Protein backbone atom coordinates (compact mmCIF):
# COMPACT_ATOMS: atom_id res chain seq x y z
CA MET A 1 0.14 -0.16 -0.04
CA ASN A 2 1.27 3.25 -0.84
CA ILE A 3 0.43 6.54 0.82
CA LEU A 4 0.94 10.25 0.39
CA ALA A 5 0.27 12.19 3.70
CA LEU A 6 1.01 15.63 4.57
CA ASP A 7 0.66 17.88 7.45
CA THR A 8 0.71 22.16 7.77
CA SER A 9 -1.13 22.51 11.12
CA THR A 10 2.05 24.15 12.87
CA GLU A 11 4.87 26.18 11.53
CA TYR A 12 6.27 23.12 10.06
CA CYS A 13 5.23 21.93 6.38
CA SER A 14 6.03 17.96 6.24
CA VAL A 15 5.31 15.42 3.63
CA ALA A 16 5.68 11.52 3.34
CA LEU A 17 4.72 8.62 1.63
CA TRP A 18 4.01 5.36 3.21
CA GLN A 19 4.88 2.70 1.21
CA ASP A 20 4.09 -0.98 2.99
CA GLY A 21 5.45 0.10 6.13
CA VAL A 22 8.56 2.06 5.13
CA VAL A 23 7.97 5.64 5.45
CA LYS A 24 9.85 8.54 3.59
CA GLU A 25 9.85 12.51 5.19
CA HIS A 26 10.62 15.48 4.05
CA SER A 27 9.50 18.45 6.87
CA GLU A 28 10.49 21.78 6.71
CA LEU A 29 10.41 24.86 9.22
CA VAL A 30 8.72 27.47 7.01
CA GLY A 31 6.32 29.83 9.24
CA GLN A 32 3.44 30.98 7.12
CA LYS A 33 4.49 29.61 3.93
CA HIS A 34 3.15 25.97 3.71
CA SER A 35 1.53 27.42 0.39
CA GLU A 36 4.51 28.39 -1.31
CA MET A 37 6.07 25.20 0.30
CA LEU A 38 3.93 22.39 0.04
CA MET A 39 3.27 21.47 -3.52
CA THR A 40 7.28 21.71 -4.27
CA MET A 41 7.85 19.37 -1.56
CA LEU A 42 4.93 17.10 -2.44
CA ASP A 43 6.74 16.76 -5.54
CA ALA A 44 9.95 15.98 -4.45
CA VAL A 45 8.71 13.36 -2.39
CA LEU A 46 7.48 11.41 -5.37
CA GLN A 47 10.48 12.19 -7.71
CA ASP A 48 12.52 10.71 -5.30
CA SER A 49 10.43 7.62 -5.00
CA GLY A 50 9.55 7.30 -8.16
CA PHE A 51 6.14 7.41 -7.98
CA ARG A 52 3.29 9.58 -9.52
CA ILE A 53 0.46 10.47 -7.54
CA GLN A 54 -2.07 7.83 -9.61
CA ASP A 55 0.06 5.42 -7.92
CA MET A 56 -1.04 6.19 -4.24
CA ASP A 57 -3.66 4.10 -2.51
CA GLY A 58 -5.04 6.90 -0.61
CA ILE A 59 -4.22 10.34 0.89
CA ALA A 60 -3.85 11.01 4.45
CA PHE A 61 -3.59 14.74 6.25
CA GLY A 62 -3.26 16.37 9.42
CA LYS A 63 -6.84 17.62 9.69
CA GLY A 64 -6.20 19.47 13.10
CA PRO A 65 -6.57 20.69 15.57
CA GLY A 66 -3.29 23.44 14.96
CA SER A 67 -3.33 26.67 12.86
CA PHE A 68 -6.59 27.55 11.37
CA THR A 69 -5.41 28.65 8.01
CA GLY A 70 -2.27 25.82 7.85
CA VAL A 71 -5.31 23.02 8.70
CA ARG A 72 -7.41 24.42 5.79
CA ILE A 73 -4.27 24.35 3.67
CA ALA A 74 -3.87 20.49 4.07
CA CYS A 75 -7.49 19.40 3.82
CA GLY A 76 -7.79 21.69 0.57
CA VAL A 77 -4.54 20.40 -0.87
CA ALA A 78 -5.65 16.64 0.11
CA GLN A 79 -8.98 17.15 -1.04
CA GLY A 80 -7.65 18.66 -4.34
CA LEU A 81 -5.30 15.78 -5.42
CA ALA A 82 -7.71 12.73 -3.89
CA LEU A 83 -10.48 13.93 -6.10
CA GLY A 84 -7.86 14.35 -9.41
CA ALA A 85 -6.69 10.96 -8.84
CA ASN A 86 -9.87 9.30 -8.02
CA LEU A 87 -8.32 8.74 -4.29
CA SER A 88 -9.99 8.25 -0.86
CA VAL A 89 -8.55 10.41 2.04
CA VAL A 90 -7.97 9.86 5.83
CA GLY A 91 -8.11 12.81 7.99
CA VAL A 92 -5.88 12.13 10.95
CA CYS A 93 -5.71 14.21 14.63
CA THR A 94 -2.55 16.02 15.11
CA LEU A 95 -2.81 15.40 19.03
CA GLU A 96 -2.81 11.86 17.67
CA ALA A 97 -0.10 11.83 15.71
CA LEU A 98 2.11 13.06 18.21
CA ALA A 99 1.50 10.73 20.37
CA GLN A 100 2.21 8.34 17.54
CA ALA A 101 5.77 9.49 17.40
CA SER A 102 6.15 9.77 21.03
CA GLU A 103 7.32 6.37 21.20
CA HIS A 104 5.41 5.76 24.42
CA ASP A 105 2.43 4.37 25.29
CA LYS A 106 0.50 6.78 27.82
CA VAL A 107 0.63 10.15 26.18
CA ILE A 108 -0.87 13.82 27.10
CA ALA A 109 -0.49 15.59 23.62
CA ALA A 110 -1.09 19.32 23.63
CA LEU A 111 -0.61 22.00 21.07
CA ASP A 112 -0.28 25.89 21.73
CA ALA A 113 -3.61 27.44 20.63
CA ARG A 114 -2.85 31.11 21.67
CA MET A 115 -4.58 33.43 23.32
CA GLY A 116 -3.64 31.66 26.52
CA GLU A 117 -5.45 28.41 25.49
CA ILE A 118 -4.31 25.02 24.51
CA TYR A 119 -5.45 21.92 22.77
CA LEU A 120 -5.17 18.89 24.54
CA ALA A 121 -6.02 15.29 24.37
CA ALA A 122 -4.87 12.12 26.16
CA TYR A 123 -3.93 8.55 24.56
CA GLU A 124 -2.89 5.22 25.28
CA LYS A 125 -1.88 2.65 23.28
CA ASN A 126 -4.67 0.53 22.36
CA MET A 127 -3.72 -3.10 20.01
CA GLY A 128 -1.45 -1.29 18.14
CA GLY A 129 -3.60 2.09 17.63
CA TRP A 130 -4.54 4.93 20.16
CA LYS A 131 -7.20 5.06 22.65
CA ALA A 132 -8.39 8.62 23.28
CA VAL A 133 -8.47 8.60 27.35
CA ASN A 134 -9.53 12.61 27.05
CA GLU A 135 -10.67 12.98 23.98
CA PRO A 136 -9.15 16.47 21.98
CA CYS A 137 -10.18 19.67 23.89
CA LEU A 138 -9.48 23.86 23.62
CA CYS A 139 -8.95 24.57 27.14
CA ALA A 140 -6.71 26.72 29.72
CA ALA A 141 -3.84 25.13 31.02
CA THR A 142 -5.66 25.28 34.50
CA ASP A 143 -8.42 23.69 33.43
CA SER A 144 -6.82 20.94 31.62
CA PRO A 145 -8.84 17.24 32.08
CA GLU A 146 -7.46 14.94 34.78
CA VAL A 147 -5.95 11.76 34.30
CA THR A 148 -5.71 8.82 36.70
CA GLY A 149 -2.41 6.69 37.23
CA GLU A 150 1.40 7.54 36.12
CA GLU A 151 4.14 6.84 33.83
CA TRP A 152 2.35 9.71 30.99
CA PHE A 153 4.86 11.92 28.76
CA GLY A 154 4.10 15.06 27.97
CA VAL A 155 4.48 15.87 24.43
CA GLY A 156 3.75 19.08 22.00
CA SER A 157 4.13 23.08 21.95
CA GLY A 158 1.89 23.31 24.39
CA TYR A 159 4.33 22.48 26.98
CA SER A 160 6.79 24.94 25.78
CA VAL A 161 4.01 28.06 26.80
CA GLN A 162 2.23 26.60 29.94
CA ASP A 163 5.04 24.26 31.09
CA ALA A 164 4.56 25.43 34.35
CA VAL A 165 1.37 24.69 34.48
CA LEU A 166 0.89 21.68 33.16
CA GLN A 167 3.60 20.42 35.48
CA ALA A 168 1.52 21.82 38.22
CA ARG A 169 -1.65 19.88 36.94
CA TYR A 170 0.01 16.64 36.10
CA GLY A 171 2.34 16.99 38.78
CA GLN A 172 4.38 13.26 39.44
CA GLN A 173 2.04 11.65 36.79
CA LEU A 174 4.91 12.45 34.23
CA SER A 175 7.37 10.57 33.19
CA GLY A 176 8.86 13.28 31.07
CA VAL A 177 8.39 16.05 28.07
CA ASP A 178 9.02 16.86 24.89
CA ALA A 179 8.18 20.67 24.04
CA ARG A 180 9.82 20.74 20.90
CA ALA A 181 7.45 17.78 19.34
CA VAL A 182 5.72 18.69 16.69
CA PRO A 183 2.78 16.75 14.55
CA GLN A 184 4.85 15.24 11.07
CA ALA A 185 3.50 13.45 8.37
CA SER A 186 5.54 10.25 9.02
CA ALA A 187 3.31 9.65 11.88
CA ILE A 188 0.22 10.77 10.13
CA ALA A 189 0.95 8.09 7.66
CA GLN A 190 1.32 5.59 9.89
CA ILE A 191 -2.23 6.07 11.70
CA ALA A 192 -3.81 6.05 8.45
CA ALA A 193 -2.16 3.27 7.79
CA ILE A 194 -4.05 1.11 9.87
CA GLU A 195 -7.41 3.60 8.99
CA PHE A 196 -6.84 3.06 5.03
CA THR A 197 -7.11 -1.54 6.26
CA ARG A 198 -9.81 -0.80 8.16
CA GLY A 199 -11.73 0.65 5.63
CA ASN A 200 -12.09 4.10 7.65
CA ALA A 201 -11.16 6.16 4.62
CA VAL A 202 -13.93 8.97 3.51
CA ASP A 203 -14.05 10.05 -0.26
CA ALA A 204 -12.62 13.58 -0.75
CA ALA A 205 -15.63 15.32 -0.71
CA LEU A 206 -16.18 14.27 2.56
CA ALA A 207 -12.75 15.37 4.21
CA LEU A 208 -13.07 18.05 6.90
CA PRO A 209 -10.98 19.89 8.75
CA PHE A 210 -11.10 19.83 12.66
CA TYR A 211 -11.28 22.42 14.53
CA LEU A 212 -11.92 23.28 18.27
CA ARG A 213 -12.02 26.79 18.15
CA ASN A 214 -14.53 27.70 15.72
CA LYS A 215 -15.69 24.70 13.08
CA VAL A 216 -16.03 26.05 9.72
CA ALA A 217 -15.66 23.71 6.83
CA LEU A 218 -14.32 24.13 3.32
CA LYS A 219 -15.79 27.10 1.06
CA THR A 220 -16.77 25.90 -2.36
CA SER A 221 -14.01 28.27 -3.81
CA GLU A 222 -10.87 26.90 -1.62
CA ARG A 223 -11.68 23.52 -2.45
CA GLU A 224 -12.17 24.89 -6.57
CA ALA A 225 -8.75 26.64 -5.86
CA ALA A 226 -6.84 23.86 -4.25
CA ARG A 227 -8.11 21.46 -6.81
CA ALA A 228 -6.19 23.78 -9.46
CA THR A 229 -3.09 24.29 -7.36
CA VAL A 230 -2.71 19.91 -7.32
CA ALA A 231 -3.66 19.98 -11.25
CA ARG A 232 0.10 19.72 -12.25
CA LEU A 233 0.74 16.51 -10.02
CA VAL A 234 -2.44 14.44 -12.13
CA THR A 235 -1.64 14.80 -15.64
């Protein structure tokens, strides 16, 4: 199975190609230049592997939460690619992607949501996948949901901006923290591979961003713009 994955939910832009368990990834710190860099990076990953978009079995993307604009870019491009090549799509929660990349079995993932808030979810490894102990939420760090037990690992930019509060909140329940971790396309591809195998992919037209602060679907004009942007990859 070949899966092309992308994420633009943070200041990083990453793309990955999953080939039967082997993942090749390209990730760059691009600030707010995702729309300028993403297609070039996607093109490079495909060319390096000798594939075309038509050789993929599906498209995966980081559906959020994260940067409002970034999440919309990822969803729009994933839809455009999938529609042009007649492929199905899997959207992956960025907080779950953080858990996947952490190499820990119990994870409290937190992303900076600006305005003094964080996006947070707690996950436990379950049958090769992840079970949400606390579903993704938007909250002040002081109001972050409780977890039971110890040996939780904290991951994500939320710990960079709210470290003292989160450390006080979870105390000795945390075995460690990686505040530098960001959602990456490689982890999104790994999670998506399971979802594709389970038959949980959807038609490209049904792919939606995941907003916790403001749940808004892509506009028709944005979908059309995304299709035009990716047209050269499917010709």
